PDB file of N, CA and C in Angstrom:
ATOM      1  N   MET A   1       0.833  -1.181   0.000  1.00  0.00           N
ATOM      2  CA  MET A   1       0.000   0.000   0.000  1.00  0.00           C
ATOM      3  C   MET A   1       0.878   1.244   0.000  1.00  0.00           C
ATOM      4  N   GLU A   2       0.525   2.186  -0.849  1.00  0.00           N
ATOM      5  CA  GLU A   2       1.291   3.427  -0.968  1.00  0.00           C
ATOM      6  C   GLU A   2       1.033   4.337   0.235  1.00  0.00           C
ATOM      7  N   THR A   3       2.068   5.043   0.651  1.00  0.00           N
ATOM      8  CA  THR A   3       1.939   6.009   1.728  1.00  0.00           C
ATOM      9  C   THR A   3       1.926   7.404   1.119  1.00  0.00           C
ATOM     10  N   TYR A   4       0.972   8.224   1.535  1.00  0.00           N
ATOM     11  CA  TYR A   4       0.823   9.576   1.010  1.00  0.00           C
ATOM     12  C   TYR A   4       1.010  10.586   2.140  1.00  0.00           C
ATOM     13  N   PRO A   5       1.379  11.812   1.788  1.00  0.00           N
ATOM     14  CA  PRO A   5       1.411  12.870   2.802  1.00  0.00           C
ATOM     15  C   PRO A   5      -0.009  13.128   3.322  1.00  0.00           C
ATOM     16  N   GLU A   6      -0.103  13.915   4.382  1.00  0.00           N
ATOM     17  CA  GLU A   6      -1.415  14.238   4.941  1.00  0.00           C
ATOM     18  C   GLU A   6      -2.272  14.973   3.920  1.00  0.00           C
ATOM     19  N   ARG A   7      -3.545  14.726   4.019  1.00  0.00           N
ATOM     20  CA  ARG A   7      -4.531  15.417   3.179  1.00  0.00           C
ATOM     21  C   ARG A   7      -4.463  16.918   3.477  1.00  0.00           C
ATOM     22  N   THR A   8      -4.594  17.734   2.437  1.00  0.00           N
ATOM     23  CA  THR A   8      -4.534  19.185   2.613  1.00  0.00           C
ATOM     24  C   THR A   8      -5.904  19.838   2.544  1.00  0.00           C
ATOM     25  N   CYS A   9      -6.905  19.095   2.083  1.00  0.00           N
ATOM     26  CA  CYS A   9      -8.251  19.645   1.974  1.00  0.00           C
ATOM     27  C   CYS A   9      -9.251  18.494   1.964  1.00  0.00           C
ATOM     28  N   SER A  10     -10.484  18.814   2.238  1.00  0.00           N
ATOM     29  CA  SER A  10     -11.552  17.822   2.265  1.00  0.00           C
ATOM     30  C   SER A  10     -11.914  17.364   0.854  1.00  0.00           C
ATOM     31  N   ILE A  11     -12.245  16.095   0.719  1.00  0.00           N
ATOM     32  CA  ILE A  11     -12.594  15.539  -0.592  1.00  0.00           C
ATOM     33  C   ILE A  11     -13.814  16.235  -1.198  1.00  0.00           C
ATOM     34  N   ASP A  12     -14.689  16.796  -0.368  1.00  0.00           N
ATOM     35  CA  ASP A  12     -15.856  17.471  -0.924  1.00  0.00           C
ATOM     36  C   ASP A  12     -15.485  18.772  -1.639  1.00  0.00           C
ATOM     37  N   ARG A  13     -14.226  19.183  -1.570  1.00  0.00           N
ATOM     38  CA  ARG A  13     -13.727  20.363  -2.290  1.00  0.00           C
ATOM     39  C   ARG A  13     -12.967  19.973  -3.559  1.00  0.00           C
ATOM     40  N   LEU A  14     -12.887  18.675  -3.870  1.00  0.00           N
ATOM     41  CA  LEU A  14     -12.122  18.213  -5.032  1.00  0.00           C
ATOM     42  C   LEU A  14     -12.660  18.793  -6.333  1.00  0.00           C
ATOM     43  N   VAL A  15     -13.951  18.677  -6.571  1.00  0.00           N
ATOM     44  CA  VAL A  15     -14.583  19.205  -7.790  1.00  0.00           C
ATOM     45  C   VAL A  15     -15.771  20.044  -7.338  1.00  0.00           C
ATOM     46  N   THR A  16     -15.703  21.354  -7.587  1.00  0.00           N
ATOM     47  CA  THR A  16     -16.765  22.231  -7.090  1.00  0.00           C
ATOM     48  C   THR A  16     -17.405  23.111  -8.158  1.00  0.00           C
ATOM     49  N   HIS A  17     -16.683  23.484  -9.182  1.00  0.00           N
ATOM     50  CA  HIS A  17     -17.226  24.379 -10.206  1.00  0.00           C
ATOM     51  C   HIS A  17     -18.350  23.660 -10.953  1.00  0.00           C
ATOM     52  N   PRO A  18     -19.505  24.302 -11.117  1.00  0.00           N
ATOM     53  CA  PRO A  18     -20.651  23.641 -11.757  1.00  0.00           C
ATOM     54  C   PRO A  18     -20.354  22.992 -13.117  1.00  0.00           C
ATOM     55  N   LYS A  19     -19.566  23.641 -13.964  1.00  0.00           N
ATOM     56  CA  LYS A  19     -19.249  23.043 -15.275  1.00  0.00           C
ATOM     57  C   LYS A  19     -18.396  21.783 -15.113  1.00  0.00           C
ATOM     58  N   LEU A  20     -17.496  21.796 -14.128  1.00  0.00           N
ATOM     59  CA  LEU A  20     -16.647  20.628 -13.901  1.00  0.00           C
ATOM     60  C   LEU A  20     -17.453  19.496 -13.273  1.00  0.00           C
ATOM     61  N   VAL A  21     -18.364  19.831 -12.364  1.00  0.00           N
ATOM     62  CA  VAL A  21     -19.251  18.824 -11.781  1.00  0.00           C
ATOM     63  C   VAL A  21     -20.055  18.155 -12.885  1.00  0.00           C
ATOM     64  N   ALA A  22     -20.575  18.943 -13.810  1.00  0.00           N
ATOM     65  CA  ALA A  22     -21.352  18.392 -14.933  1.00  0.00           C
ATOM     66  C   ALA A  22     -20.489  17.453 -15.773  1.00  0.00           C
ATOM     67  N   GLY A  23     -19.221  17.805 -15.991  1.00  0.00           N
ATOM     68  CA  GLY A  23     -18.315  16.953 -16.755  1.00  0.00           C
ATOM     69  C   GLY A  23     -18.043  15.630 -16.066  1.00  0.00           C
ATOM     70  N   VAL A  24     -17.868  15.675 -14.746  1.00  0.00           N
ATOM     71  CA  VAL A  24     -17.655  14.428 -13.988  1.00  0.00           C
ATOM     72  C   VAL A  24     -18.896  13.550 -14.108  1.00  0.00           C
ATOM     73  N   LYS A  25     -20.063  14.140 -13.898  1.00  0.00           N
ATOM     74  CA  LYS A  25     -21.306  13.370 -13.963  1.00  0.00           C
ATOM     75  C   LYS A  25     -21.544  12.784 -15.351  1.00  0.00           C
ATOM     76  N   ALA A  26     -21.097  13.487 -16.398  1.00  0.00           N
ATOM     77  CA  ALA A  26     -21.259  13.005 -17.771  1.00  0.00           C
ATOM     78  C   ALA A  26     -20.182  11.994 -18.163  1.00  0.00           C
ATOM     79  N   GLY A  27     -19.148  11.854 -17.331  1.00  0.00           N
ATOM     80  CA  GLY A  27     -18.066  10.916 -17.627  1.00  0.00           C
ATOM     81  C   GLY A  27     -16.989  11.483 -18.528  1.00  0.00           C
ATOM     82  N   THR A  28     -17.035  12.795 -18.818  1.00  0.00           N
ATOM     83  CA  THR A  28     -16.022  13.406 -19.682  1.00  0.00           C
ATOM     84  C   THR A  28     -14.856  13.986 -18.893  1.00  0.00           C
ATOM     85  N   LYS A  29     -15.003  14.063 -17.585  1.00  0.00           N
ATOM     86  CA  LYS A  29     -13.923  14.524 -16.702  1.00  0.00           C
ATOM     87  C   LYS A  29     -13.637  13.405 -15.713  1.00  0.00           C
ATOM     88  N   THR A  30     -12.421  12.871 -15.763  1.00  0.00           N
ATOM     89  CA  THR A  30     -12.047  11.741 -14.909  1.00  0.00           C
ATOM     90  C   THR A  30     -10.833  12.026 -14.035  1.00  0.00           C
ATOM     91  N   GLN A  31     -10.323  13.262 -14.124  1.00  0.00           N
ATOM     92  CA  GLN A  31      -9.170  13.640 -13.315  1.00  0.00           C
ATOM     93  C   GLN A  31      -9.334  15.068 -12.816  1.00  0.00           C
ATOM     94  N   GLN A  32      -8.685  15.343 -11.670  1.00  0.00           N
ATOM     95  CA  GLN A  32      -8.622  16.703 -11.135  1.00  0.00           C
ATOM     96  C   GLN A  32      -7.235  16.907 -10.566  1.00  0.00           C
ATOM     97  N   ARG A  33      -6.554  17.933 -11.042  1.00  0.00           N
ATOM     98  CA  ARG A  33      -5.236  18.276 -10.522  1.00  0.00           C
ATOM     99  C   ARG A  33      -5.386  19.335  -9.454  1.00  0.00           C
ATOM    100  N   ARG A  34      -4.677  19.146  -8.366  1.00  0.00           N
ATOM    101  CA  ARG A  34      -4.695  20.081  -7.247  1.00  0.00           C
ATOM    102  C   ARG A  34      -3.281  20.200  -6.710  1.00  0.00           C
ATOM    103  N   ASP A  35      -3.023  21.299  -5.994  1.00  0.00           N
ATOM    104  CA  ASP A  35      -1.687  21.467  -5.402  1.00  0.00           C
ATOM    105  C   ASP A  35      -1.537  20.712  -4.098  1.00  0.00           C
ATOM    106  N   GLY A  36      -2.606  20.057  -3.651  1.00  0.00           N
ATOM    107  CA  GLY A  36      -2.565  19.252  -2.443  1.00  0.00           C
ATOM    108  C   GLY A  36      -3.401  18.001  -2.607  1.00  0.00           C
ATOM    109  N   ILE A  37      -3.471  17.221  -1.553  1.00  0.00           N
ATOM    110  CA  ILE A  37      -4.226  15.968  -1.576  1.00  0.00           C
ATOM    111  C   ILE A  37      -5.622  16.216  -1.014  1.00  0.00           C
ATOM    112  N   TYR A  38      -6.625  15.930  -1.832  1.00  0.00           N
ATOM    113  CA  TYR A  38      -8.025  16.122  -1.440  1.00  0.00           C
ATOM    114  C   TYR A  38      -8.711  14.790  -1.178  1.00  0.00           C
ATOM    115  N   GLY A  39      -8.230  13.726  -1.786  1.00  0.00           N
ATOM    116  CA  GLY A  39      -8.822  12.411  -1.599  1.00  0.00           C
ATOM    117  C   GLY A  39      -7.803  11.328  -1.870  1.00  0.00           C
ATOM    118  N   LEU A  40      -7.978  10.199  -1.215  1.00  0.00           N
ATOM    119  CA  LEU A  40      -7.056   9.069  -1.348  1.00  0.00           C
ATOM    120  C   LEU A  40      -7.714   7.948  -2.139  1.00  0.00           C
ATOM    121  N   PRO A  41      -6.924   7.097  -2.789  1.00  0.00           N
ATOM    122  CA  PRO A  41      -7.496   5.971  -3.527  1.00  0.00           C
ATOM    123  C   PRO A  41      -8.433   5.150  -2.641  1.00  0.00           C
ATOM    124  N   GLY A  42      -9.604   4.862  -3.193  1.00  0.00           N
ATOM    125  CA  GLY A  42     -10.623   4.112  -2.473  1.00  0.00           C
ATOM    126  C   GLY A  42     -11.631   4.994  -1.761  1.00  0.00           C
ATOM    127  N   GLU A  43     -11.306   6.256  -1.582  1.00  0.00           N
ATOM    128  CA  GLU A  43     -12.221   7.179  -0.916  1.00  0.00           C
ATOM    129  C   GLU A  43     -13.341   7.579  -1.885  1.00  0.00           C
ATOM    130  N   THR A  44     -14.531   7.749  -1.346  1.00  0.00           N
ATOM    131  CA  THR A  44     -15.677   8.096  -2.174  1.00  0.00           C
ATOM    132  C   THR A  44     -16.141   9.522  -1.909  1.00  0.00           C
ATOM    133  N   PHE A  45     -16.819  10.091  -2.912  1.00  0.00           N
ATOM    134  CA  PHE A  45     -17.407  11.420  -2.772  1.00  0.00           C
ATOM    135  C   PHE A  45     -18.680  11.473  -3.593  1.00  0.00           C
ATOM    136  N   ASP A  46     -19.510  12.459  -3.285  1.00  0.00           N
ATOM    137  CA  ASP A  46     -20.810  12.592  -3.914  1.00  0.00           C
ATOM    138  C   ASP A  46     -20.889  13.921  -4.653  1.00  0.00           C
ATOM    139  N   LEU A  47     -21.442  13.881  -5.855  1.00  0.00           N
ATOM    140  CA  LEU A  47     -21.692  15.093  -6.623  1.00  0.00           C
ATOM    141  C   LEU A  47     -23.153  15.083  -7.059  1.00  0.00           C
ATOM    142  N   GLU A  48     -23.936  15.921  -6.438  1.00  0.00           N
ATOM    143  CA  GLU A  48     -25.350  16.071  -6.799  1.00  0.00           C
ATOM    144  C   GLU A  48     -26.072  14.730  -6.879  1.00  0.00           C
ATOM    145  N   GLY A  49     -25.862  13.889  -5.874  1.00  0.00           N
ATOM    146  CA  GLY A  49     -26.572  12.619  -5.797  1.00  0.00           C
ATOM    147  C   GLY A  49     -25.909  11.443  -6.498  1.00  0.00           C
ATOM    148  N   MET A  50     -24.793  11.674  -7.165  1.00  0.00           N
ATOM    149  CA  MET A  50     -24.050  10.579  -7.810  1.00  0.00           C
ATOM    150  C   MET A  50     -22.785  10.299  -7.025  1.00  0.00           C
ATOM    151  N   GLY A  51     -22.465   9.006  -6.851  1.00  0.00           N
ATOM    152  CA  GLY A  51     -21.282   8.610  -6.112  1.00  0.00           C
ATOM    153  C   GLY A  51     -20.090   8.352  -7.012  1.00  0.00           C
ATOM    154  N   PHE A  52     -18.915   8.733  -6.535  1.00  0.00           N
ATOM    155  CA  PHE A  52     -17.658   8.532  -7.272  1.00  0.00           C
ATOM    156  C   PHE A  52     -16.604   8.021  -6.312  1.00  0.00           C
ATOM    157  N   VAL A  53     -15.605   7.344  -6.871  1.00  0.00           N
ATOM    158  CA  VAL A  53     -14.524   6.808  -6.061  1.00  0.00           C
ATOM    159  C   VAL A  53     -13.187   7.251  -6.666  1.00  0.00           C
ATOM    160  N   VAL A  54     -12.258   7.635  -5.801  1.00  0.00           N
ATOM    161  CA  VAL A  54     -10.910   7.978  -6.240  1.00  0.00           C
ATOM    162  C   VAL A  54     -10.206   6.662  -6.581  1.00  0.00           C
ATOM    163  N   THR A  55      -9.764   6.538  -7.825  1.00  0.00           N
ATOM    164  CA  THR A  55      -9.126   5.302  -8.284  1.00  0.00           C
ATOM    165  C   THR A  55      -7.605   5.408  -8.346  1.00  0.00           C
ATOM    166  N   GLY A  56      -7.102   6.633  -8.263  1.00  0.00           N
ATOM    167  CA  GLY A  56      -5.660   6.806  -8.310  1.00  0.00           C
ATOM    168  C   GLY A  56      -5.250   8.179  -7.819  1.00  0.00           C
ATOM    169  N   LEU A  57      -4.031   8.261  -7.317  1.00  0.00           N
ATOM    170  CA  LEU A  57      -3.455   9.522  -6.855  1.00  0.00           C
ATOM    171  C   LEU A  57      -1.973   9.486  -7.192  1.00  0.00           C
ATOM    172  N   THR A  58      -1.561  10.380  -8.076  1.00  0.00           N
ATOM    173  CA  THR A  58      -0.166  10.418  -8.509  1.00  0.00           C
ATOM    174  C   THR A  58       0.337  11.856  -8.501  1.00  0.00           C
ATOM    175  N   ARG A  59       1.637  11.983  -8.573  1.00  0.00           N
ATOM    176  CA  ARG A  59       2.286  13.291  -8.629  1.00  0.00           C
ATOM    177  C   ARG A  59       2.711  13.518 -10.071  1.00  0.00           C
ATOM    178  N   GLN A  60       2.565  14.762 -10.561  1.00  0.00           N
ATOM    179  CA  GLN A  60       2.926  15.062 -11.948  1.00  0.00           C
ATOM    180  C   GLN A  60       3.463  16.486 -12.049  1.00  0.00           C
ATOM    181  N   ARG A  61       4.445  16.662 -12.913  1.00  0.00           N
ATOM    182  CA  ARG A  61       4.946  17.994 -13.253  1.00  0.00           C
ATOM    183  C   ARG A  61       3.993  18.615 -14.264  1.00  0.00           C
ATOM    184  N   LEU A  62       3.695  19.902 -14.114  1.00  0.00           N
ATOM    185  CA  LEU A  62       2.836  20.559 -15.099  1.00  0.00           C
ATOM    186  C   LEU A  62       3.424  20.449 -16.505  1.00  0.00           C
ATOM    187  N   GLY A  63       4.735  20.496 -16.595  1.00  0.00           N
ATOM    188  CA  GLY A  63       5.394  20.402 -17.896  1.00  0.00           C
ATOM    189  C   GLY A  63       5.249  19.053 -18.566  1.00  0.00           C
ATOM    190  N   ASP A  64       4.797  18.041 -17.826  1.00  0.00           N
ATOM    191  CA  ASP A  64       4.602  16.707 -18.412  1.00  0.00           C
ATOM    192  C   ASP A  64       3.173  16.487 -18.889  1.00  0.00           C
ATOM    193  N   MET A  65       2.321  17.485 -18.700  1.00  0.00           N
ATOM    194  CA  MET A  65       0.936  17.336 -19.147  1.00  0.00           C
ATOM    195  C   MET A  65       0.851  17.309 -20.670  1.00  0.00           C
ATOM    196  N   THR A  66      -0.102  16.538 -21.168  1.00  0.00           N
ATOM    197  CA  THR A  66      -0.348  16.407 -22.602  1.00  0.00           C
ATOM    198  C   THR A  66      -1.802  16.766 -22.901  1.00  0.00           C
ATOM    199  N   ASP A  67      -2.139  16.797 -24.175  1.00  0.00           N
ATOM    200  CA  ASP A  67      -3.537  17.003 -24.555  1.00  0.00           C
ATOM    201  C   ASP A  67      -4.421  15.916 -23.949  1.00  0.00           C
ATOM    202  N   GLU A  68      -3.910  14.688 -23.883  1.00  0.00           N
ATOM    203  CA  GLU A  68      -4.680  13.585 -23.298  1.00  0.00           C
ATOM    204  C   GLU A  68      -5.007  13.859 -21.826  1.00  0.00           C
ATOM    205  N   HIS A  69      -4.049  14.394 -21.091  1.00  0.00           N
ATOM    206  CA  HIS A  69      -4.288  14.745 -19.689  1.00  0.00           C
ATOM    207  C   HIS A  69      -5.340  15.851 -19.589  1.00  0.00           C
ATOM    208  N   ALA A  70      -5.227  16.855 -20.455  1.00  0.00           N
ATOM    209  CA  ALA A  70      -6.208  17.952 -20.453  1.00  0.00           C
ATOM    210  C   ALA A  70      -7.604  17.420 -20.767  1.00  0.00           C
ATOM    211  N   GLN A  71      -7.690  16.455 -21.664  1.00  0.00           N
ATOM    212  CA  GLN A  71      -8.990  15.860 -21.996  1.00  0.00           C
ATOM    213  C   GLN A  71      -9.562  15.112 -20.801  1.00  0.00           C
ATOM    214  N   ALA A  72      -8.714  14.437 -20.023  1.00  0.00           N
ATOM    215  CA  ALA A  72      -9.185  13.761 -18.815  1.00  0.00           C
ATOM    216  C   ALA A  72      -9.672  14.781 -17.781  1.00  0.00           C
ATOM    217  N   GLU A  73      -9.185  16.016 -17.887  1.00  0.00           N
ATOM    218  CA  GLU A  73      -9.638  17.111 -17.030  1.00  0.00           C
ATOM    219  C   GLU A  73     -10.943  17.724 -17.547  1.00  0.00           C
ATOM    220  N   GLY A  74     -11.363  17.298 -18.740  1.00  0.00           N
ATOM    221  CA  GLY A  74     -12.614  17.808 -19.306  1.00  0.00           C
ATOM    222  C   GLY A  74     -12.443  18.930 -20.315  1.00  0.00           C
ATOM    223  N   TYR A  75     -11.223  19.146 -20.797  1.00  0.00           N
ATOM    224  CA  TYR A  75     -10.938  20.212 -21.759  1.00  0.00           C
ATOM    225  C   TYR A  75     -10.483  19.592 -23.080  1.00  0.00           C
ATOM    226  N   PRO A  76     -10.712  20.287 -24.208  1.00  0.00           N
ATOM    227  CA  PRO A  76     -10.349  19.690 -25.502  1.00  0.00           C
ATOM    228  C   PRO A  76      -8.849  19.552 -25.744  1.00  0.00           C
ATOM    229  N   ASN A  77      -8.048  20.444 -25.126  1.00  0.00           N
ATOM    230  CA  ASN A  77      -6.599  20.378 -25.348  1.00  0.00           C
ATOM    231  C   ASN A  77      -5.866  21.098 -24.225  1.00  0.00           C
ATOM    232  N   LEU A  78      -4.566  20.931 -24.203  1.00  0.00           N
ATOM    233  CA  LEU A  78      -3.740  21.484 -23.134  1.00  0.00           C
ATOM    234  C   LEU A  78      -3.752  23.006 -23.137  1.00  0.00           C
ATOM    235  N   GLU A  79      -3.715  23.627 -24.301  1.00  0.00           N
ATOM    236  CA  GLU A  79      -3.698  25.092 -24.358  1.00  0.00           C
ATOM    237  C   GLU A  79      -4.952  25.687 -23.733  1.00  0.00           C
ATOM    238  N   MET A  80      -6.109  25.101 -23.998  1.00  0.00           N
ATOM    239  CA  MET A  80      -7.342  25.614 -23.410  1.00  0.00           C
ATOM    240  C   MET A  80      -7.329  25.387 -21.889  1.00  0.00           C
ATOM    241  N   TYR A  81      -6.851  24.222 -21.463  1.00  0.00           N
ATOM    242  CA  TYR A  81      -6.758  23.936 -20.031  1.00  0.00           C
ATOM    243  C   TYR A  81      -5.876  24.974 -19.339  1.00  0.00           C
ATOM    244  N   LYS A  82      -4.680  25.206 -19.891  1.00  0.00           N
ATOM    245  CA  LYS A  82      -3.760  26.180 -19.304  1.00  0.00           C
ATOM    246  C   LYS A  82      -4.403  27.563 -19.234  1.00  0.00           C
ATOM    247  N   ASP A  83      -5.035  27.989 -20.308  1.00  0.00           N
ATOM    248  CA  ASP A  83      -5.659  29.304 -20.365  1.00  0.00           C
ATOM    249  C   ASP A  83      -6.714  29.461 -19.275  1.00  0.00           C
ATOM    250  N   ILE A  84      -7.574  28.473 -19.125  1.00  0.00           N
ATOM    251  CA  ILE A  84      -8.642  28.560 -18.127  1.00  0.00           C
ATOM    252  C   ILE A  84      -8.085  28.494 -16.710  1.00  0.00           C
ATOM    253  N   ILE A  85      -7.125  27.612 -16.471  1.00  0.00           N
ATOM    254  CA  ILE A  85      -6.522  27.498 -15.137  1.00  0.00           C
ATOM    255  C   ILE A  85      -5.866  28.818 -14.726  1.00  0.00           C
ATOM    256  N   LEU A  86      -5.149  29.438 -15.639  1.00  0.00           N
ATOM    257  CA  LEU A  86      -4.479  30.699 -15.315  1.00  0.00           C
ATOM    258  C   LEU A  86      -5.484  31.824 -15.080  1.00  0.00           C
ATOM    259  N   LYS A  87      -6.619  31.777 -15.755  1.00  0.00           N
ATOM    260  CA  LYS A  87      -7.671  32.782 -15.521  1.00  0.00           C
ATOM    261  C   LYS A  87      -8.372  32.542 -14.186  1.00  0.00           C
ATOM    262  N   MET A  88      -8.558  31.259 -13.827  1.00  0.00           N
ATOM    263  CA  MET A  88      -9.237  30.919 -12.567  1.00  0.00           C
ATOM    264  C   MET A  88      -8.386  31.241 -11.344  1.00  0.00           C
ATOM    265  N   HIS A  89      -7.067  31.148 -11.493  1.00  0.00           N
ATOM    266  CA  HIS A  89      -6.145  31.348 -10.377  1.00  0.00           C
ATOM    267  C   HIS A  89      -5.278  32.578 -10.647  1.00  0.00           C
ATOM    268  N   ALA A  90      -5.834  33.730 -10.342  1.00  0.00           N
ATOM    269  CA  ALA A  90      -5.132  35.000 -10.588  1.00  0.00           C
ATOM    270  C   ALA A  90      -3.753  34.988  -9.940  1.00  0.00           C
ATOM    271  N   GLY A  91      -2.769  35.414 -10.694  1.00  0.00           N
ATOM    272  CA  GLY A  91      -1.406  35.488 -10.181  1.00  0.00           C
ATOM    273  C   GLY A  91      -0.614  34.200 -10.330  1.00  0.00           C
ATOM    274  N   MET A  92      -1.277  33.117 -10.724  1.00  0.00           N
ATOM    275  CA  MET A  92      -0.570  31.841 -10.902  1.00  0.00           C
ATOM    276  C   MET A  92       0.286  31.888 -12.161  1.00  0.00           C
ATOM    277  N   GLU A  93       1.452  31.308 -12.077  1.00  0.00           N
ATOM    278  CA  GLU A  93       2.318  31.146 -13.242  1.00  0.00           C
ATOM    279  C   GLU A  93       2.361  29.666 -13.598  1.00  0.00           C
ATOM    280  N   TRP A  94       2.385  29.365 -14.874  1.00  0.00           N
ATOM    281  CA  TRP A  94       2.498  27.989 -15.336  1.00  0.00           C
ATOM    282  C   TRP A  94       3.987  27.669 -15.403  1.00  0.00           C
ATOM    283  N   LYS A  95       4.468  26.952 -14.410  1.00  0.00           N
ATOM    284  CA  LYS A  95       5.884  26.584 -14.365  1.00  0.00           C
ATOM    285  C   LYS A  95       5.998  25.094 -14.626  1.00  0.00           C
ATOM    286  N   ALA A  96       6.783  24.730 -15.617  1.00  0.00           N
ATOM    287  CA  ALA A  96       6.904  23.329 -16.033  1.00  0.00           C
ATOM    288  C   ALA A  96       7.298  22.406 -14.884  1.00  0.00           C
ATOM    289  N   ASP A  97       8.108  22.881 -13.951  1.00  0.00           N
ATOM    290  CA  ASP A  97       8.572  22.030 -12.855  1.00  0.00           C
ATOM    291  C   ASP A  97       7.639  21.997 -11.648  1.00  0.00           C
ATOM    292  N   SER A  98       6.554  22.783 -11.682  1.00  0.00           N
ATOM    293  CA  SER A  98       5.600  22.758 -10.567  1.00  0.00           C
ATOM    294  C   SER A  98       4.928  21.393 -10.494  1.00  0.00           C
ATOM    295  N   LEU A  99       4.850  20.859  -9.280  1.00  0.00           N
ATOM    296  CA  LEU A  99       4.234  19.553  -9.070  1.00  0.00           C
ATOM    297  C   LEU A  99       2.797  19.704  -8.591  1.00  0.00           C
ATOM    298  N   VAL A 100       1.934  18.849  -9.120  1.00  0.00           N
ATOM    299  CA  VAL A 100       0.538  18.800  -8.697  1.00  0.00           C
ATOM    300  C   VAL A 100       0.177  17.352  -8.380  1.00  0.00           C
ATOM    301  N   TRP A 101      -0.894  17.176  -7.618  1.00  0.00           N
ATOM    302  CA  TRP A 101      -1.432  15.852  -7.339  1.00  0.00           C
ATOM    303  C   TRP A 101      -2.555  15.587  -8.331  1.00  0.00           C
ATOM    304  N   VAL A 102      -2.490  14.451  -9.006  1.00  0.00           N
ATOM    305  CA  VAL A 102      -3.517  14.061  -9.973  1.00  0.00           C
ATOM    306  C   VAL A 102      -4.447  13.062  -9.299  1.00  0.00           C
ATOM    307  N   HIS A 103      -5.688  13.489  -9.095  1.00  0.00           N
ATOM    308  CA  HIS A 103      -6.722  12.630  -8.531  1.00  0.00           C
ATOM    309  C   HIS A 103      -7.499  12.045  -9.703  1.00  0.00           C
ATOM    310  N   THR A 104      -7.502  10.737  -9.837  1.00  0.00           N
ATOM    311  CA  THR A 104      -8.273  10.055 -10.883  1.00  0.00           C
ATOM    312  C   THR A 104      -9.482   9.414 -10.218  1.00  0.00           C
ATOM    313  N   PHE A 105     -10.630   9.479 -10.880  1.00  0.00           N
ATOM    314  CA  PHE A 105     -11.852   8.953 -10.264  1.00  0.00           C
ATOM    315  C   PHE A 105     -12.798   8.388 -11.306  1.00  0.00           C
ATOM    316  N   ALA A 106     -13.761   7.635 -10.825  1.00  0.00           N
ATOM    317  CA  ALA A 106     -14.762   6.997 -11.689  1.00  0.00           C
ATOM    318  C   ALA A 106     -16.071   6.917 -10.915  1.00  0.00           C
ATOM    319  N   ALA A 107     -17.154   6.704 -11.647  1.00  0.00           N
ATOM    320  CA  ALA A 107     -18.449   6.523 -11.004  1.00  0.00           C
ATOM    321  C   ALA A 107     -18.378   5.306 -10.089  1.00  0.00           C
ATOM    322  N   LYS A 108     -18.984   5.433  -8.937  1.00  0.00           N
ATOM    323  CA  LYS A 108     -18.988   4.353  -7.959  1.00  0.00           C
ATOM    324  C   LYS A 108     -19.999   3.303  -8.397  1.00  0.00           C
ATOM    325  N   MET A 109     -19.553   2.056  -8.430  1.00  0.00           N
ATOM    326  CA  MET A 109     -20.420   0.942  -8.785  1.00  0.00           C
ATOM    327  C   MET A 109     -20.895   0.274  -7.494  1.00  0.00           C
ATOM    328  N   ASP A 110     -22.188   0.276  -7.286  1.00  0.00           N
ATOM    329  CA  ASP A 110     -22.727  -0.348  -6.064  1.00  0.00           C
ATOM    330  C   ASP A 110     -22.922  -1.824  -6.202  1.00  0.00           C
TER     331      ASP A 110
END
């Protein structure tokens, strides 16, 4: 079993923006990058009555992101993802060596 640092935020804060919630519920968004740990593998969360489970948690450099990663975030390509992220987080710089936590999730199967 992998050991992770302490959680930095509650899992209910993992996906909050209405458009992103809609993407998760539609199955077009399967990952969320954060600067801290919001949920651990196996942990579940609810979005508007639908259950989801964290299936993976990995560390990634922003500079290693690809269009495929941006699509898993619910965006058509990396350039659009970068543009929106920088607009959402005023003052943030996109630094290739910055590390983020990649939370991967799927609909919970009962």
